[in-house]
Amino acid sequence: MTIQTVVIPVEGEPYQANVHGPSKLGDFLNKTVGGWFEAIDLEDGNSMFLNEEGKLMGLARNELATSYARSVIFPSDYIAGDVVIAGPPKGSSGRISSASVHAFEQWMESRIEQVIEVK
């Protein structure tokens, strides 16, 4: 099974990453967010995975991810470091929906130009 995700880095453009097999997801999340991860459930039914100690580690503020998660985090809070969006909630085996990818693309007013394969 391929799990579609969207990566929102602090620097650079968001991109889609296809993770081939649920057993690879944990390692992919650890590597991408730079350590242990936690999930935030988003209003669109997907989950945002981020470094659970990102602020303590001094990771840079992720403006795009913070803006995307604004409706589910405290007004004064922010997202630190690179994040991964996957679905359904809690990152269960499944795919981020095409509608969610499309909504994200529209929200950020550009398109995902890069797709990587994680095998």
N, C-alpha and C. Protein backbone atom coordinates (compact mmCIF):
# COMPACT_ATOMS: atom_id res chain seq x y z
N MET A 1 0.84 -1.18 0.00
CA MET A 1 0.00 0.00 0.00
C MET A 1 0.89 1.24 0.00
N THR A 2 0.53 2.22 -0.80
CA THR A 2 1.25 3.48 -0.86
C THR A 2 0.48 4.52 -0.04
N ILE A 3 1.20 5.20 0.83
CA ILE A 3 0.60 6.25 1.65
C ILE A 3 1.07 7.59 1.09
N GLN A 4 0.12 8.38 0.62
CA GLN A 4 0.45 9.70 0.10
C GLN A 4 0.55 10.68 1.26
N THR A 5 1.59 11.49 1.24
CA THR A 5 1.75 12.53 2.25
C THR A 5 2.12 13.83 1.55
N VAL A 6 1.99 14.92 2.28
CA VAL A 6 2.48 16.22 1.82
C VAL A 6 3.46 16.70 2.88
N VAL A 7 4.67 17.08 2.46
CA VAL A 7 5.69 17.59 3.36
C VAL A 7 5.72 19.11 3.22
N ILE A 8 5.66 19.80 4.37
CA ILE A 8 5.77 21.26 4.39
C ILE A 8 7.06 21.59 5.12
N PRO A 9 8.14 21.86 4.36
CA PRO A 9 9.40 22.21 5.00
C PRO A 9 9.39 23.67 5.46
N VAL A 10 10.26 23.99 6.41
CA VAL A 10 10.40 25.37 6.85
C VAL A 10 10.88 26.23 5.68
N GLU A 11 11.84 25.71 4.94
CA GLU A 11 12.37 26.40 3.79
C GLU A 11 12.07 25.59 2.54
N GLY A 12 11.74 26.25 1.47
CA GLY A 12 11.43 25.56 0.23
C GLY A 12 9.94 25.35 0.08
N GLU A 13 9.59 24.71 -1.01
CA GLU A 13 8.19 24.51 -1.35
C GLU A 13 7.66 23.17 -0.81
N PRO A 14 6.39 23.11 -0.45
CA PRO A 14 5.79 21.83 -0.07
C PRO A 14 5.86 20.85 -1.24
N TYR A 15 5.92 19.56 -0.90
CA TYR A 15 5.95 18.55 -1.94
C TYR A 15 5.23 17.30 -1.46
N GLN A 16 4.83 16.49 -2.41
CA GLN A 16 4.16 15.23 -2.10
C GLN A 16 5.21 14.14 -1.98
N ALA A 17 5.05 13.27 -0.98
CA ALA A 17 5.93 12.12 -0.81
C ALA A 17 5.06 10.87 -0.69
N ASN A 18 5.34 9.88 -1.51
CA ASN A 18 4.60 8.62 -1.47
C ASN A 18 5.43 7.60 -0.70
N VAL A 19 4.89 7.13 0.42
CA VAL A 19 5.58 6.16 1.27
C VAL A 19 5.03 4.78 0.93
N HIS A 20 5.91 3.91 0.48
CA HIS A 20 5.50 2.58 0.01
C HIS A 20 5.52 1.59 1.18
N GLY A 21 4.36 1.42 1.79
CA GLY A 21 4.20 0.47 2.88
C GLY A 21 4.10 1.14 4.23
N PRO A 22 3.08 0.77 5.02
CA PRO A 22 2.89 1.34 6.35
C PRO A 22 4.10 1.17 7.26
N SER A 23 4.88 0.09 7.06
CA SER A 23 6.04 -0.14 7.91
C SER A 23 7.13 0.91 7.70
N LYS A 24 7.10 1.62 6.60
CA LYS A 24 8.10 2.65 6.30
C LYS A 24 7.69 4.03 6.83
N LEU A 25 6.42 4.18 7.21
CA LEU A 25 5.90 5.50 7.58
C LEU A 25 6.60 6.08 8.81
N GLY A 26 6.76 5.29 9.86
CA GLY A 26 7.39 5.79 11.08
C GLY A 26 8.79 6.33 10.84
N ASP A 27 9.60 5.55 10.10
CA ASP A 27 10.96 5.99 9.79
C ASP A 27 10.95 7.26 8.94
N PHE A 28 10.03 7.31 7.97
CA PHE A 28 9.92 8.50 7.12
C PHE A 28 9.57 9.73 7.96
N LEU A 29 8.60 9.57 8.88
CA LEU A 29 8.21 10.70 9.73
C LEU A 29 9.36 11.14 10.63
N ASN A 30 10.04 10.17 11.27
CA ASN A 30 11.20 10.51 12.12
C ASN A 30 12.25 11.29 11.35
N LYS A 31 12.59 10.81 10.18
CA LYS A 31 13.62 11.45 9.36
C LYS A 31 13.18 12.85 8.91
N THR A 32 11.94 12.96 8.47
CA THR A 32 11.47 14.22 7.90
C THR A 32 11.32 15.31 8.95
N VAL A 33 10.80 14.96 10.14
CA VAL A 33 10.60 15.99 11.18
C VAL A 33 11.82 16.14 12.09
N GLY A 34 12.80 15.25 11.93
CA GLY A 34 14.04 15.38 12.68
C GLY A 34 13.99 14.85 14.09
N GLY A 35 13.21 13.81 14.33
CA GLY A 35 13.14 13.21 15.66
C GLY A 35 11.79 12.58 15.94
N TRP A 36 11.49 12.39 17.23
CA TRP A 36 10.21 11.83 17.62
C TRP A 36 9.10 12.77 17.16
N PHE A 37 7.97 12.19 16.77
CA PHE A 37 6.90 13.01 16.21
C PHE A 37 5.63 12.89 17.03
N GLU A 38 4.80 13.91 16.89
CA GLU A 38 3.44 13.90 17.45
C GLU A 38 2.51 14.31 16.33
N ALA A 39 1.21 13.99 16.50
CA ALA A 39 0.21 14.30 15.48
C ALA A 39 -0.78 15.33 15.99
N ILE A 40 -1.16 16.21 15.09
CA ILE A 40 -2.25 17.16 15.34
C ILE A 40 -3.34 16.83 14.33
N ASP A 41 -4.55 16.57 14.79
CA ASP A 41 -5.66 16.31 13.87
C ASP A 41 -6.14 17.62 13.28
N LEU A 42 -6.23 17.65 11.96
CA LEU A 42 -6.65 18.85 11.24
C LEU A 42 -8.14 18.80 10.93
N GLU A 43 -8.71 19.95 10.65
CA GLU A 43 -10.14 20.02 10.33
C GLU A 43 -10.52 19.26 9.08
N ASP A 44 -9.57 19.08 8.16
CA ASP A 44 -9.89 18.40 6.90
C ASP A 44 -9.86 16.87 7.03
N GLY A 45 -9.65 16.35 8.27
CA GLY A 45 -9.67 14.92 8.49
C GLY A 45 -8.30 14.26 8.38
N ASN A 46 -7.29 15.03 8.05
CA ASN A 46 -5.92 14.51 7.98
C ASN A 46 -5.20 14.84 9.28
N SER A 47 -3.96 14.36 9.38
CA SER A 47 -3.13 14.65 10.55
C SER A 47 -1.85 15.34 10.11
N MET A 48 -1.39 16.28 10.94
CA MET A 48 -0.11 16.94 10.72
C MET A 48 0.87 16.36 11.73
N PHE A 49 1.98 15.81 11.24
CA PHE A 49 3.01 15.24 12.09
C PHE A 49 4.16 16.22 12.19
N LEU A 50 4.60 16.49 13.44
CA LEU A 50 5.67 17.44 13.68
C LEU A 50 6.57 16.91 14.77
N ASN A 51 7.75 17.49 14.89
CA ASN A 51 8.70 17.09 15.93
C ASN A 51 8.12 17.48 17.28
N GLU A 52 7.98 16.50 18.18
CA GLU A 52 7.34 16.78 19.47
C GLU A 52 8.16 17.68 20.36
N GLU A 53 9.45 17.83 20.08
CA GLU A 53 10.31 18.72 20.87
C GLU A 53 10.87 19.85 20.02
N GLY A 54 10.20 20.15 18.92
CA GLY A 54 10.70 21.13 17.97
C GLY A 54 10.97 22.50 18.57
N LYS A 55 10.08 22.98 19.40
CA LYS A 55 10.29 24.30 20.02
C LYS A 55 11.43 24.24 21.03
N LEU A 56 11.50 23.16 21.81
CA LEU A 56 12.58 23.01 22.79
C LEU A 56 13.94 22.91 22.11
N MET A 57 13.96 22.33 20.92
CA MET A 57 15.20 22.18 20.16
C MET A 57 15.58 23.45 19.41
N GLY A 58 14.67 24.41 19.42
CA GLY A 58 14.94 25.67 18.72
C GLY A 58 14.74 25.59 17.21
N LEU A 59 13.90 24.64 16.76
CA LEU A 59 13.63 24.56 15.33
C LEU A 59 12.91 25.82 14.87
N ALA A 60 13.15 26.20 13.65
CA ALA A 60 12.57 27.42 13.10
C ALA A 60 11.05 27.32 12.98
N ARG A 61 10.41 28.46 13.13
CA ARG A 61 8.96 28.55 12.97
C ARG A 61 8.60 28.23 11.52
N ASN A 62 7.60 27.37 11.35
CA ASN A 62 7.12 27.00 10.02
C ASN A 62 5.85 27.81 9.76
N GLU A 63 6.01 28.91 9.07
CA GLU A 63 4.90 29.84 8.86
C GLU A 63 3.75 29.20 8.08
N LEU A 64 4.07 28.45 7.03
CA LEU A 64 3.03 27.84 6.21
C LEU A 64 2.25 26.80 7.01
N ALA A 65 2.96 25.94 7.73
CA ALA A 65 2.30 24.91 8.54
C ALA A 65 1.48 25.54 9.67
N THR A 66 2.01 26.59 10.28
CA THR A 66 1.29 27.29 11.35
C THR A 66 -0.01 27.86 10.81
N SER A 67 0.06 28.48 9.67
CA SER A 67 -1.14 29.07 9.07
C SER A 67 -2.15 27.98 8.71
N TYR A 68 -1.67 26.85 8.18
CA TYR A 68 -2.57 25.76 7.80
C TYR A 68 -3.25 25.14 9.01
N ALA A 69 -2.56 25.09 10.14
CA ALA A 69 -3.10 24.47 11.36
C ALA A 69 -3.76 25.49 12.29
N ARG A 70 -3.84 26.72 11.91
CA ARG A 70 -4.31 27.80 12.79
C ARG A 70 -5.65 27.48 13.47
N SER A 71 -6.56 26.83 12.79
CA SER A 71 -7.89 26.59 13.37
C SER A 71 -7.88 25.53 14.47
N VAL A 72 -6.79 24.77 14.62
CA VAL A 72 -6.75 23.71 15.63
C VAL A 72 -5.65 23.89 16.67
N ILE A 73 -4.95 25.02 16.62
CA ILE A 73 -3.94 25.32 17.65
C ILE A 73 -4.31 26.63 18.33
N PHE A 74 -3.74 26.86 19.51
CA PHE A 74 -4.02 28.09 20.25
C PHE A 74 -3.56 29.30 19.43
N PRO A 75 -4.26 30.43 19.57
CA PRO A 75 -3.92 31.62 18.79
C PRO A 75 -2.46 32.07 18.92
N SER A 76 -1.87 31.89 20.09
CA SER A 76 -0.48 32.33 20.27
C SER A 76 0.54 31.23 19.95
N ASP A 77 0.07 30.04 19.59
CA ASP A 77 0.95 28.91 19.33
C ASP A 77 1.46 28.93 17.89
N TYR A 78 2.48 28.13 17.62
CA TYR A 78 3.01 28.01 16.27
C TYR A 78 3.60 26.61 16.08
N ILE A 79 3.85 26.27 14.83
CA ILE A 79 4.44 24.99 14.46
C ILE A 79 5.92 25.23 14.19
N ALA A 80 6.78 24.39 14.78
CA ALA A 80 8.23 24.51 14.58
C ALA A 80 8.75 23.33 13.77
N GLY A 81 9.58 23.62 12.80
CA GLY A 81 10.23 22.58 12.02
C GLY A 81 9.41 22.10 10.85
N ASP A 82 10.00 21.16 10.10
CA ASP A 82 9.33 20.56 8.95
C ASP A 82 8.21 19.66 9.44
N VAL A 83 7.13 19.58 8.67
CA VAL A 83 5.98 18.75 9.04
C VAL A 83 5.56 17.87 7.87
N VAL A 84 4.78 16.83 8.21
CA VAL A 84 4.22 15.93 7.22
C VAL A 84 2.71 15.88 7.45
N ILE A 85 1.93 15.99 6.38
CA ILE A 85 0.49 15.82 6.47
C ILE A 85 0.15 14.48 5.86
N ALA A 86 -0.59 13.67 6.60
CA ALA A 86 -1.03 12.36 6.13
C ALA A 86 -2.44 12.12 6.63
N GLY A 87 -3.13 11.18 6.03
CA GLY A 87 -4.48 10.90 6.47
C GLY A 87 -4.73 9.41 6.39
N PRO A 88 -5.81 9.00 6.96
CA PRO A 88 -6.78 9.71 7.81
C PRO A 88 -6.21 10.03 9.19
N PRO A 89 -7.06 10.54 10.11
CA PRO A 89 -6.57 10.97 11.42
C PRO A 89 -5.66 9.95 12.09
N LYS A 90 -4.69 10.48 12.82
CA LYS A 90 -3.69 9.72 13.56
C LYS A 90 -2.80 8.92 12.62
N GLY A 91 -2.81 9.26 11.34
CA GLY A 91 -1.89 8.63 10.39
C GLY A 91 -2.16 7.17 10.14
N SER A 92 -3.40 6.71 10.34
CA SER A 92 -3.74 5.32 10.08
C SER A 92 -3.36 4.96 8.65
N SER A 93 -3.20 3.69 8.39
CA SER A 93 -2.88 3.27 7.03
C SER A 93 -3.94 3.80 6.09
N GLY A 94 -3.54 4.56 5.15
CA GLY A 94 -4.48 5.15 4.21
C GLY A 94 -3.80 6.23 3.41
N ARG A 95 -4.58 6.96 2.71
CA ARG A 95 -4.06 7.97 1.82
C ARG A 95 -4.64 9.32 2.16
N ILE A 96 -3.85 10.34 1.95
CA ILE A 96 -4.39 11.68 2.01
C ILE A 96 -5.28 11.80 0.77
N SER A 97 -6.47 12.28 0.93
CA SER A 97 -7.40 12.27 -0.19
C SER A 97 -6.97 13.26 -1.26
N SER A 98 -7.36 12.95 -2.48
CA SER A 98 -7.08 13.87 -3.59
C SER A 98 -7.72 15.22 -3.34
N ALA A 99 -8.91 15.20 -2.73
CA ALA A 99 -9.59 16.45 -2.42
C ALA A 99 -8.79 17.27 -1.41
N SER A 100 -8.16 16.59 -0.44
CA SER A 100 -7.33 17.29 0.55
C SER A 100 -6.10 17.89 -0.09
N VAL A 101 -5.47 17.12 -0.98
CA VAL A 101 -4.29 17.65 -1.69
C VAL A 101 -4.71 18.86 -2.52
N HIS A 102 -5.85 18.75 -3.21
CA HIS A 102 -6.34 19.86 -4.03
C HIS A 102 -6.65 21.08 -3.16
N ALA A 103 -7.31 20.84 -2.04
CA ALA A 103 -7.64 21.96 -1.13
C ALA A 103 -6.37 22.61 -0.60
N PHE A 104 -5.39 21.80 -0.26
CA PHE A 104 -4.12 22.34 0.22
C PHE A 104 -3.45 23.17 -0.88
N GLU A 105 -3.44 22.64 -2.09
CA GLU A 105 -2.84 23.36 -3.21
C GLU A 105 -3.52 24.72 -3.40
N GLN A 106 -4.84 24.72 -3.35
CA GLN A 106 -5.57 25.97 -3.51
C GLN A 106 -5.27 26.91 -2.35
N TRP A 107 -5.23 26.34 -1.14
CA TRP A 107 -5.00 27.16 0.05
C TRP A 107 -3.65 27.87 -0.04
N MET A 108 -2.63 27.20 -0.47
CA MET A 108 -1.31 27.83 -0.51
C MET A 108 -1.05 28.57 -1.81
N GLU A 109 -2.05 28.58 -2.69
CA GLU A 109 -2.02 29.35 -3.94
C GLU A 109 -0.84 29.00 -4.84
N SER A 110 -0.49 27.74 -4.83
CA SER A 110 0.49 27.22 -5.78
C SER A 110 0.26 25.73 -5.90
N ARG A 111 1.08 25.04 -6.62
CA ARG A 111 0.89 23.61 -6.74
C ARG A 111 2.10 22.85 -6.28
N ILE A 112 1.86 21.61 -5.88
CA ILE A 112 2.95 20.72 -5.49
C ILE A 112 3.65 20.32 -6.78
N GLU A 113 4.92 20.66 -6.89
CA GLU A 113 5.64 20.41 -8.14
C GLU A 113 6.54 19.18 -8.05
N GLN A 114 6.86 18.73 -6.86
CA GLN A 114 7.81 17.63 -6.71
C GLN A 114 7.14 16.47 -6.00
N VAL A 115 7.32 15.27 -6.51
CA VAL A 115 6.84 14.05 -5.87
C VAL A 115 8.04 13.15 -5.66
N ILE A 116 8.26 12.68 -4.44
CA ILE A 116 9.35 11.74 -4.18
C ILE A 116 8.77 10.40 -3.79
N GLU A 117 9.50 9.36 -4.04
CA GLU A 117 9.10 8.01 -3.70
C GLU A 117 9.98 7.52 -2.55
N VAL A 118 9.37 7.02 -1.47
CA VAL A 118 10.10 6.50 -0.32
C VAL A 118 9.90 4.98 -0.31
N LYS A 119 10.96 4.25 -0.59
CA LYS A 119 10.85 2.78 -0.69
C LYS A 119 11.71 2.12 0.35
